[in-house]
PDB file of all heavy atoms in Angstrom:
ATOM      1  N   GLY A   1      14.314   8.548 -14.981  1.00  0.00           N
ATOM      2  CA  GLY A   1      15.293   9.477 -14.446  1.00  0.00           C
ATOM      3  C   GLY A   1      15.103   9.868 -13.001  1.00  0.00           C
ATOM      4  O   GLY A   1      15.867  10.670 -12.468  1.00  0.00           O
ATOM      5  N   LYS A   2      14.080   9.288 -12.366  1.00  0.00           N
ATOM      6  CA  LYS A   2      13.819   9.635 -10.974  1.00  0.00           C
ATOM      7  C   LYS A   2      13.899   8.397 -10.098  1.00  0.00           C
ATOM      8  O   LYS A   2      13.831   7.271 -10.563  1.00  0.00           O
ATOM      9  CB  LYS A   2      12.457  10.301 -10.852  1.00  0.00           C
ATOM     10  CG  LYS A   2      12.385  11.615 -11.600  1.00  0.00           C
ATOM     11  CD  LYS A   2      11.183  12.427 -11.188  1.00  0.00           C
ATOM     12  CE  LYS A   2      11.191  13.797 -11.858  1.00  0.00           C
ATOM     13  NZ  LYS A   2      10.025  14.623 -11.464  1.00  0.00           N
ATOM     14  N   GLU A   3      14.036   8.622  -8.805  1.00  0.00           N
ATOM     15  CA  GLU A   3      14.159   7.505  -7.883  1.00  0.00           C
ATOM     16  C   GLU A   3      12.797   6.843  -7.669  1.00  0.00           C
ATOM     17  O   GLU A   3      11.755   7.455  -7.871  1.00  0.00           O
ATOM     18  CB  GLU A   3      14.709   7.984  -6.539  1.00  0.00           C
ATOM     19  CG  GLU A   3      13.837   8.989  -5.820  1.00  0.00           C
ATOM     20  CD  GLU A   3      14.479   9.503  -4.541  1.00  0.00           C
ATOM     21  OE1 GLU A   3      15.704   9.368  -4.393  1.00  0.00           O
ATOM     22  OE2 GLU A   3      13.744  10.039  -3.703  1.00  0.00           O
ATOM     23  N   ARG A   4      12.865   5.607  -7.250  1.00  0.00           N
ATOM     24  CA  ARG A   4      11.648   4.858  -6.949  1.00  0.00           C
ATOM     25  C   ARG A   4      11.032   5.411  -5.663  1.00  0.00           C
ATOM     26  O   ARG A   4      11.725   5.569  -4.657  1.00  0.00           O
ATOM     27  CB  ARG A   4      12.006   3.379  -6.792  1.00  0.00           C
ATOM     28  CG  ARG A   4      10.859   2.440  -6.911  1.00  0.00           C
ATOM     29  CD  ARG A   4      11.359   1.012  -7.066  1.00  0.00           C
ATOM     30  NE  ARG A   4      12.066   0.819  -8.335  1.00  0.00           N
ATOM     31  CZ  ARG A   4      12.481  -0.359  -8.771  1.00  0.00           C
ATOM     32  NH1 ARG A   4      12.249  -1.454  -8.039  1.00  0.00           N
ATOM     33  NH2 ARG A   4      13.105  -0.474  -9.917  1.00  0.00           N
ATOM     34  N   LYS A   5       9.723   5.671  -5.704  1.00  0.00           N
ATOM     35  CA  LYS A   5       9.073   6.316  -4.572  1.00  0.00           C
ATOM     36  C   LYS A   5       7.981   5.448  -3.963  1.00  0.00           C
ATOM     37  O   LYS A   5       7.266   4.733  -4.665  1.00  0.00           O
ATOM     38  CB  LYS A   5       8.484   7.660  -4.996  1.00  0.00           C
ATOM     39  CG  LYS A   5       9.534   8.692  -5.381  1.00  0.00           C
ATOM     40  CD  LYS A   5       8.904  10.039  -5.660  1.00  0.00           C
ATOM     41  CE  LYS A   5       9.962  11.089  -5.963  1.00  0.00           C
ATOM     42  NZ  LYS A   5       9.362  12.413  -6.252  1.00  0.00           N
ATOM     43  N   PHE A   6       7.831   5.563  -2.676  1.00  0.00           N
ATOM     44  CA  PHE A   6       6.836   4.820  -1.916  1.00  0.00           C
ATOM     45  C   PHE A   6       5.418   5.248  -2.279  1.00  0.00           C
ATOM     46  O   PHE A   6       5.139   6.438  -2.402  1.00  0.00           O
ATOM     47  CB  PHE A   6       7.082   5.046  -0.422  1.00  0.00           C
ATOM     48  CG  PHE A   6       6.018   4.504   0.474  1.00  0.00           C
ATOM     49  CD1 PHE A   6       5.883   3.138   0.658  1.00  0.00           C
ATOM     50  CD2 PHE A   6       5.153   5.354   1.136  1.00  0.00           C
ATOM     51  CE1 PHE A   6       4.897   2.636   1.491  1.00  0.00           C
ATOM     52  CE2 PHE A   6       4.167   4.867   1.971  1.00  0.00           C
ATOM     53  CZ  PHE A   6       4.045   3.497   2.154  1.00  0.00           C
ATOM     54  N   VAL A   7       4.544   4.258  -2.433  1.00  0.00           N
ATOM     55  CA  VAL A   7       3.129   4.526  -2.681  1.00  0.00           C
ATOM     56  C   VAL A   7       2.282   4.033  -1.509  1.00  0.00           C
ATOM     57  O   VAL A   7       1.481   4.782  -0.946  1.00  0.00           O
ATOM     58  CB  VAL A   7       2.652   3.855  -3.977  1.00  0.00           C
ATOM     59  CG1 VAL A   7       1.145   4.048  -4.163  1.00  0.00           C
ATOM     60  CG2 VAL A   7       3.408   4.405  -5.183  1.00  0.00           C
ATOM     61  N   ALA A   8       2.444   2.760  -1.138  1.00  0.00           N
ATOM     62  CA  ALA A   8       1.626   2.181  -0.079  1.00  0.00           C
ATOM     63  C   ALA A   8       2.314   0.940   0.468  1.00  0.00           C
ATOM     64  O   ALA A   8       3.145   0.325  -0.213  1.00  0.00           O
ATOM     65  CB  ALA A   8       0.237   1.821  -0.599  1.00  0.00           C
ATOM     66  N   ALA A   9       1.952   0.592   1.704  1.00  0.00           N
ATOM     67  CA  ALA A   9       2.477  -0.623   2.316  1.00  0.00           C
ATOM     68  C   ALA A   9       1.402  -1.241   3.194  1.00  0.00           C
ATOM     69  O   ALA A   9       0.537  -0.539   3.723  1.00  0.00           O
ATOM     70  CB  ALA A   9       3.724  -0.321   3.143  1.00  0.00           C
ATOM     71  N   ILE A  10       1.488  -2.555   3.347  1.00  0.00           N
ATOM     72  CA  ILE A  10       0.495  -3.277   4.130  1.00  0.00           C
ATOM     73  C   ILE A  10       1.192  -4.311   5.000  1.00  0.00           C
ATOM     74  O   ILE A  10       2.169  -4.927   4.594  1.00  0.00           O
ATOM     75  CB  ILE A  10      -0.543  -3.937   3.192  1.00  0.00           C
ATOM     76  CG1 ILE A  10      -1.738  -4.469   3.963  1.00  0.00           C
ATOM     77  CG2 ILE A  10       0.103  -5.037   2.348  1.00  0.00           C
ATOM     78  CD1 ILE A  10      -2.915  -4.845   3.046  1.00  0.00           C
ATOM     79  N   SER A  11       0.678  -4.469   6.209  1.00  0.00           N
ATOM     80  CA  SER A  11       1.263  -5.425   7.148  1.00  0.00           C
ATOM     81  C   SER A  11       0.910  -6.851   6.760  1.00  0.00           C
ATOM     82  O   SER A  11       0.095  -7.093   5.869  1.00  0.00           O
ATOM     83  CB  SER A  11       0.753  -5.127   8.562  1.00  0.00           C
ATOM     84  OG  SER A  11      -0.659  -5.318   8.627  1.00  0.00           O
ATOM     85  N   ARG A  12       1.511  -7.792   7.450  1.00  0.00           N
ATOM     86  CA  ARG A  12       1.306  -9.208   7.160  1.00  0.00           C
ATOM     87  C   ARG A  12      -0.165  -9.610   7.279  1.00  0.00           C
ATOM     88  O   ARG A  12      -0.664 -10.379   6.465  1.00  0.00           O
ATOM     89  CB  ARG A  12       2.158 -10.056   8.097  1.00  0.00           C
ATOM     90  CG  ARG A  12       3.641  -9.948   7.832  1.00  0.00           C
ATOM     91  CD  ARG A  12       4.456 -10.399   9.037  1.00  0.00           C
ATOM     92  NE  ARG A  12       5.882 -10.226   8.777  1.00  0.00           N
ATOM     93  CZ  ARG A  12       6.504  -9.063   8.804  1.00  0.00           C
ATOM     94  NH1 ARG A  12       5.848  -7.955   9.083  1.00  0.00           N
ATOM     95  NH2 ARG A  12       7.805  -9.001   8.556  1.00  0.00           N
ATOM     96  N   SER A  13      -0.831  -9.076   8.265  1.00  0.00           N
ATOM     97  CA  SER A  13      -2.233  -9.433   8.482  1.00  0.00           C
ATOM     98  C   SER A  13      -3.181  -8.644   7.602  1.00  0.00           C
ATOM     99  O   SER A  13      -4.335  -9.023   7.421  1.00  0.00           O
ATOM    100  CB  SER A  13      -2.603  -9.188   9.950  1.00  0.00           C
ATOM    101  OG  SER A  13      -2.559  -7.788  10.215  1.00  0.00           O
ATOM    102  N   GLY A  14      -2.704  -7.511   7.085  1.00  0.00           N
ATOM    103  CA  GLY A  14      -3.564  -6.628   6.304  1.00  0.00           C
ATOM    104  C   GLY A  14      -4.256  -5.573   7.140  1.00  0.00           C
ATOM    105  O   GLY A  14      -4.981  -4.729   6.598  1.00  0.00           O
ATOM    106  N   ARG A  15      -4.033  -5.594   8.446  1.00  0.00           N
ATOM    107  CA  ARG A  15      -4.750  -4.661   9.318  1.00  0.00           C
ATOM    108  C   ARG A  15      -4.134  -3.268   9.321  1.00  0.00           C
ATOM    109  O   ARG A  15      -4.816  -2.294   9.616  1.00  0.00           O
ATOM    110  CB  ARG A  15      -4.815  -5.222  10.737  1.00  0.00           C
ATOM    111  CG  ARG A  15      -5.778  -6.384  10.893  1.00  0.00           C
ATOM    112  CD  ARG A  15      -6.036  -6.671  12.364  1.00  0.00           C
ATOM    113  NE  ARG A  15      -4.851  -7.236  13.015  1.00  0.00           N
ATOM    114  CZ  ARG A  15      -4.635  -8.538  13.148  1.00  0.00           C
ATOM    115  NH1 ARG A  15      -5.504  -9.406  12.662  1.00  0.00           N
ATOM    116  NH2 ARG A  15      -3.566  -8.976  13.766  1.00  0.00           N
ATOM    117  N   THR A  16      -2.853  -3.188   9.000  1.00  0.00           N
ATOM    118  CA  THR A  16      -2.179  -1.893   8.989  1.00  0.00           C
ATOM    119  C   THR A  16      -1.779  -1.543   7.562  1.00  0.00           C
ATOM    120  O   THR A  16      -1.095  -2.325   6.901  1.00  0.00           O
ATOM    121  CB  THR A  16      -0.932  -1.906   9.876  1.00  0.00           C
ATOM    122  OG1 THR A  16      -1.313  -2.256  11.215  1.00  0.00           O
ATOM    123  CG2 THR A  16      -0.258  -0.544   9.879  1.00  0.00           C
ATOM    124  N   ILE A  17      -2.226  -0.388   7.110  1.00  0.00           N
ATOM    125  CA  ILE A  17      -1.924   0.063   5.748  1.00  0.00           C
ATOM    126  C   ILE A  17      -1.480   1.520   5.820  1.00  0.00           C
ATOM    127  O   ILE A  17      -2.063   2.319   6.560  1.00  0.00           O
ATOM    128  CB  ILE A  17      -3.157  -0.057   4.830  1.00  0.00           C
ATOM    129  CG1 ILE A  17      -3.745  -1.463   4.893  1.00  0.00           C
ATOM    130  CG2 ILE A  17      -2.772   0.272   3.387  1.00  0.00           C
ATOM    131  CD1 ILE A  17      -5.073  -1.618   4.173  1.00  0.00           C
ATOM    132  N   ARG A  18      -0.476   1.845   5.063  1.00  0.00           N
ATOM    133  CA  ARG A  18       0.050   3.206   4.999  1.00  0.00           C
ATOM    134  C   ARG A  18       0.115   3.660   3.552  1.00  0.00           C
ATOM    135  O   ARG A  18       0.400   2.869   2.665  1.00  0.00           O
ATOM    136  CB  ARG A  18       1.437   3.270   5.629  1.00  0.00           C
ATOM    137  CG  ARG A  18       1.466   2.920   7.109  1.00  0.00           C
ATOM    138  CD  ARG A  18       0.847   4.012   7.951  1.00  0.00           C
ATOM    139  NE  ARG A  18       0.991   3.740   9.384  1.00  0.00           N
ATOM    140  CZ  ARG A  18       0.049   3.239  10.135  1.00  0.00           C
ATOM    141  NH1 ARG A  18      -1.131   2.936   9.589  1.00  0.00           N
ATOM    142  NH2 ARG A  18       0.248   3.036  11.418  1.00  0.00           N
ATOM    143  N   TYR A  19      -0.130   4.959   3.337  1.00  0.00           N
ATOM    144  CA  TYR A  19      -0.106   5.534   2.004  1.00  0.00           C
ATOM    145  C   TYR A  19       0.725   6.810   1.977  1.00  0.00           C
ATOM    146  O   TYR A  19       0.764   7.560   2.964  1.00  0.00           O
ATOM    147  CB  TYR A  19      -1.525   5.897   1.533  1.00  0.00           C
ATOM    148  CG  TYR A  19      -2.491   4.745   1.485  1.00  0.00           C
ATOM    149  CD1 TYR A  19      -3.347   4.487   2.552  1.00  0.00           C
ATOM    150  CD2 TYR A  19      -2.554   3.915   0.367  1.00  0.00           C
ATOM    151  CE1 TYR A  19      -4.239   3.434   2.512  1.00  0.00           C
ATOM    152  CE2 TYR A  19      -3.456   2.853   0.322  1.00  0.00           C
ATOM    153  CZ  TYR A  19      -4.290   2.626   1.402  1.00  0.00           C
ATOM    154  OH  TYR A  19      -5.163   1.573   1.352  1.00  0.00           O
ATOM    155  N   THR A  20       1.332   7.076   0.838  1.00  0.00           N
ATOM    156  CA  THR A  20       1.925   8.377   0.672  1.00  0.00           C
ATOM    157  C   THR A  20       0.793   9.405   0.522  1.00  0.00           C
ATOM    158  O   THR A  20      -0.301   9.077   0.040  1.00  0.00           O
ATOM    159  CB  THR A  20       2.867   8.395  -0.537  1.00  0.00           C
ATOM    160  OG1 THR A  20       3.658   9.569  -0.520  1.00  0.00           O
ATOM    161  CG2 THR A  20       2.107   8.304  -1.852  1.00  0.00           C
ATOM    162  N   ASP A  21       1.060  10.633   0.912  1.00  0.00           N
ATOM    163  CA  ASP A  21      -0.013  11.641   0.970  1.00  0.00           C
ATOM    164  C   ASP A  21      -0.709  11.855  -0.369  1.00  0.00           C
ATOM    165  O   ASP A  21      -1.920  12.081  -0.426  1.00  0.00           O
ATOM    166  CB  ASP A  21       0.558  12.966   1.465  1.00  0.00           C
ATOM    167  CG  ASP A  21       0.846  12.953   2.958  1.00  0.00           C
ATOM    168  OD1 ASP A  21       0.361  12.040   3.647  1.00  0.00           O
ATOM    169  OD2 ASP A  21       1.556  13.857   3.423  1.00  0.00           O
ATOM    170  N   SER A  22       0.024  11.777  -1.458  1.00  0.00           N
ATOM    171  CA  SER A  22      -0.540  12.119  -2.760  1.00  0.00           C
ATOM    172  C   SER A  22      -1.581  11.120  -3.260  1.00  0.00           C
ATOM    173  O   SER A  22      -2.317  11.423  -4.207  1.00  0.00           O
ATOM    174  CB  SER A  22       0.567  12.265  -3.796  1.00  0.00           C
ATOM    175  OG  SER A  22       1.256  11.043  -3.960  1.00  0.00           O
ATOM    176  N   VAL A  23      -1.661   9.946  -2.636  1.00  0.00           N
ATOM    177  CA  VAL A  23      -2.636   8.945  -3.092  1.00  0.00           C
ATOM    178  C   VAL A  23      -3.717   8.655  -2.060  1.00  0.00           C
ATOM    179  O   VAL A  23      -4.652   7.897  -2.341  1.00  0.00           O
ATOM    180  CB  VAL A  23      -1.944   7.621  -3.503  1.00  0.00           C
ATOM    181  CG1 VAL A  23      -0.815   7.885  -4.487  1.00  0.00           C
ATOM    182  CG2 VAL A  23      -1.445   6.840  -2.296  1.00  0.00           C
ATOM    183  N   LYS A  24      -3.603   9.256  -0.891  1.00  0.00           N
ATOM    184  CA  LYS A  24      -4.604   9.019   0.151  1.00  0.00           C
ATOM    185  C   LYS A  24      -5.994   9.423  -0.342  1.00  0.00           C
ATOM    186  O   LYS A  24      -6.173  10.485  -0.923  1.00  0.00           O
ATOM    187  CB  LYS A  24      -4.248   9.803   1.414  1.00  0.00           C
ATOM    188  CG  LYS A  24      -3.103   9.205   2.197  1.00  0.00           C
ATOM    189  CD  LYS A  24      -2.785  10.039   3.445  1.00  0.00           C
ATOM    190  CE  LYS A  24      -1.631   9.439   4.200  1.00  0.00           C
ATOM    191  NZ  LYS A  24      -1.238  10.278   5.368  1.00  0.00           N
ATOM    192  N   GLY A  25      -6.971   8.561  -0.090  1.00  0.00           N
ATOM    193  CA  GLY A  25      -8.337   8.819  -0.525  1.00  0.00           C
ATOM    194  C   GLY A  25      -8.620   8.378  -1.948  1.00  0.00           C
ATOM    195  O   GLY A  25      -9.784   8.342  -2.367  1.00  0.00           O
ATOM    196  N   ARG A  26      -7.581   8.045  -2.712  1.00  0.00           N
ATOM    197  CA  ARG A  26      -7.760   7.604  -4.101  1.00  0.00           C
ATOM    198  C   ARG A  26      -7.311   6.158  -4.304  1.00  0.00           C
ATOM    199  O   ARG A  26      -7.921   5.428  -5.085  1.00  0.00           O
ATOM    200  CB  ARG A  26      -6.969   8.508  -5.052  1.00  0.00           C
ATOM    201  CG  ARG A  26      -7.382   9.958  -5.014  1.00  0.00           C
ATOM    202  CD  ARG A  26      -6.712  10.754  -6.128  1.00  0.00           C
ATOM    203  NE  ARG A  26      -5.251  10.731  -6.025  1.00  0.00           N
ATOM    204  CZ  ARG A  26      -4.439  10.282  -6.985  1.00  0.00           C
ATOM    205  NH1 ARG A  26      -4.935   9.815  -8.116  1.00  0.00           N
ATOM    206  NH2 ARG A  26      -3.127  10.312  -6.817  1.00  0.00           N
ATOM    207  N   PHE A  27      -6.257   5.751  -3.623  1.00  0.00           N
ATOM    208  CA  PHE A  27      -5.712   4.403  -3.777  1.00  0.00           C
ATOM    209  C   PHE A  27      -6.038   3.571  -2.544  1.00  0.00           C
ATOM    210  O   PHE A  27      -6.051   4.087  -1.421  1.00  0.00           O
ATOM    211  CB  PHE A  27      -4.192   4.450  -3.943  1.00  0.00           C
ATOM    212  CG  PHE A  27      -3.702   5.010  -5.249  1.00  0.00           C
ATOM    213  CD1 PHE A  27      -4.544   5.666  -6.130  1.00  0.00           C
ATOM    214  CD2 PHE A  27      -2.366   4.873  -5.597  1.00  0.00           C
ATOM    215  CE1 PHE A  27      -4.080   6.189  -7.324  1.00  0.00           C
ATOM    216  CE2 PHE A  27      -1.866   5.381  -6.794  1.00  0.00           C
ATOM    217  CZ  PHE A  27      -2.725   6.045  -7.649  1.00  0.00           C
ATOM    218  N   THR A  28      -6.268   2.296  -2.766  1.00  0.00           N
ATOM    219  CA  THR A  28      -6.511   1.363  -1.676  1.00  0.00           C
ATOM    220  C   THR A  28      -5.671   0.113  -1.888  1.00  0.00           C
ATOM    221  O   THR A  28      -5.782  -0.551  -2.924  1.00  0.00           O
ATOM    222  CB  THR A  28      -7.984   0.972  -1.597  1.00  0.00           C
ATOM    223  OG1 THR A  28      -8.795   2.147  -1.416  1.00  0.00           O
ATOM    224  CG2 THR A  28      -8.222   0.028  -0.413  1.00  0.00           C
ATOM    225  N   MET A  29      -4.855  -0.190  -0.910  1.00  0.00           N
ATOM    226  CA  MET A  29      -4.047  -1.413  -0.958  1.00  0.00           C
ATOM    227  C   MET A  29      -4.711  -2.481  -0.122  1.00  0.00           C
ATOM    228  O   MET A  29      -5.247  -2.202   0.956  1.00  0.00           O
ATOM    229  CB  MET A  29      -2.639  -1.137  -0.437  1.00  0.00           C
ATOM    230  CG  MET A  29      -1.691  -2.306  -0.599  1.00  0.00           C
ATOM    231  SD  MET A  29      -0.010  -1.855  -0.132  1.00  0.00           S
ATOM    232  CE  MET A  29       0.872  -3.375  -0.564  1.00  0.00           C
ATOM    233  N   SER A  30      -4.664  -3.716  -0.610  1.00  0.00           N
ATOM    234  CA  SER A  30      -5.228  -4.830   0.134  1.00  0.00           C
ATOM    235  C   SER A  30      -4.436  -6.087  -0.189  1.00  0.00           C
ATOM    236  O   SER A  30      -3.618  -6.093  -1.110  1.00  0.00           O
ATOM    237  CB  SER A  30      -6.707  -5.018  -0.210  1.00  0.00           C
ATOM    238  OG  SER A  30      -6.858  -5.321  -1.586  1.00  0.00           O
ATOM    239  N   ARG A  31      -4.694  -7.136   0.579  1.00  0.00           N
ATOM    240  CA  ARG A  31      -4.016  -8.406   0.317  1.00  0.00           C
ATOM    241  C   ARG A  31      -4.970  -9.547   0.600  1.00  0.00           C
ATOM    242  O   ARG A  31      -5.867  -9.440   1.450  1.00  0.00           O
ATOM    243  CB  ARG A  31      -2.738  -8.543   1.155  1.00  0.00           C
ATOM    244  CG  ARG A  31      -2.958  -8.657   2.643  1.00  0.00           C
ATOM    245  CD  ARG A  31      -1.609  -8.586   3.385  1.00  0.00           C
ATOM    246  NE  ARG A  31      -0.747  -9.705   3.062  1.00  0.00           N
ATOM    247  CZ  ARG A  31       0.583  -9.692   3.282  1.00  0.00           C
ATOM    248  NH1 ARG A  31       1.154  -8.610   3.823  1.00  0.00           N
ATOM    249  NH2 ARG A  31       1.311 -10.749   2.971  1.00  0.00           N
ATOM    250  N   ASP A  32      -4.736 -10.637  -0.116  1.00  0.00           N
ATOM    251  CA  ASP A  32      -5.482 -11.871   0.097  1.00  0.00           C
ATOM    252  C   ASP A  32      -4.446 -12.960   0.342  1.00  0.00           C
ATOM    253  O   ASP A  32      -3.841 -13.478  -0.603  1.00  0.00           O
ATOM    254  CB  ASP A  32      -6.348 -12.200  -1.113  1.00  0.00           C
ATOM    255  CG  ASP A  32      -7.254 -13.386  -0.883  1.00  0.00           C
ATOM    256  OD1 ASP A  32      -6.962 -14.220  -0.006  1.00  0.00           O
ATOM    257  OD2 ASP A  32      -8.256 -13.493  -1.606  1.00  0.00           O
ATOM    258  N   ASN A  33      -4.245 -13.295   1.603  1.00  0.00           N
ATOM    259  CA  ASN A  33      -3.204 -14.267   1.935  1.00  0.00           C
ATOM    260  C   ASN A  33      -3.549 -15.673   1.442  1.00  0.00           C
ATOM    261  O   ASN A  33      -2.661 -16.507   1.275  1.00  0.00           O
ATOM    262  CB  ASN A  33      -2.949 -14.268   3.438  1.00  0.00           C
ATOM    263  CG  ASN A  33      -2.170 -13.032   3.879  1.00  0.00           C
ATOM    264  OD1 ASN A  33      -1.608 -12.311   3.055  1.00  0.00           O
ATOM    265  ND2 ASN A  33      -2.145 -12.781   5.180  1.00  0.00           N
ATOM    266  N   SER A  34      -4.816 -15.939   1.184  1.00  0.00           N
ATOM    267  CA  SER A  34      -5.195 -17.251   0.655  1.00  0.00           C
ATOM    268  C   SER A  34      -4.841 -17.383  -0.823  1.00  0.00           C
ATOM    269  O   SER A  34      -4.734 -18.496  -1.345  1.00  0.00           O
ATOM    270  CB  SER A  34      -6.688 -17.489   0.851  1.00  0.00           C
ATOM    271  OG  SER A  34      -7.455 -16.632   0.013  1.00  0.00           O
ATOM    272  N   LYS A  35      -4.650 -16.236  -1.483  1.00  0.00           N
ATOM    273  CA  LYS A  35      -4.298 -16.238  -2.904  1.00  0.00           C
ATOM    274  C   LYS A  35      -2.877 -15.755  -3.162  1.00  0.00           C
ATOM    275  O   LYS A  35      -2.477 -15.609  -4.319  1.00  0.00           O
ATOM    276  CB  LYS A  35      -5.284 -15.354  -3.676  1.00  0.00           C
ATOM    277  CG  LYS A  35      -6.707 -15.861  -3.660  1.00  0.00           C
ATOM    278  CD  LYS A  35      -7.617 -14.972  -4.480  1.00  0.00           C
ATOM    279  CE  LYS A  35      -9.035 -15.516  -4.500  1.00  0.00           C
ATOM    280  NZ  LYS A  35      -9.948 -14.648  -5.296  1.00  0.00           N
ATOM    281  N   ASN A  36      -2.138 -15.484  -2.100  1.00  0.00           N
ATOM    282  CA  ASN A  36      -0.761 -14.987  -2.235  1.00  0.00           C
ATOM    283  C   ASN A  36      -0.692 -13.768  -3.147  1.00  0.00           C
ATOM    284  O   ASN A  36       0.202 -13.650  -3.997  1.00  0.00           O
ATOM    285  CB  ASN A  36       0.169 -16.082  -2.764  1.00  0.00           C
ATOM    286  CG  ASN A  36       0.409 -17.183  -1.755  1.00  0.00           C
ATOM    287  OD1 ASN A  36      -0.088 -17.128  -0.631  1.00  0.00           O
ATOM    288  ND2 ASN A  36       1.146 -18.205  -2.147  1.00  0.00           N
TER     289      ASN A  36
END
């Protein structure tokens, strides 16, 4: 019943990551471009 909300985003290289305030310090986003 609620809208989809942003949690985290990561740039193509993985060097830039952004989090919504409620998950900062608890969630970590990462990517492995070799594993897609």
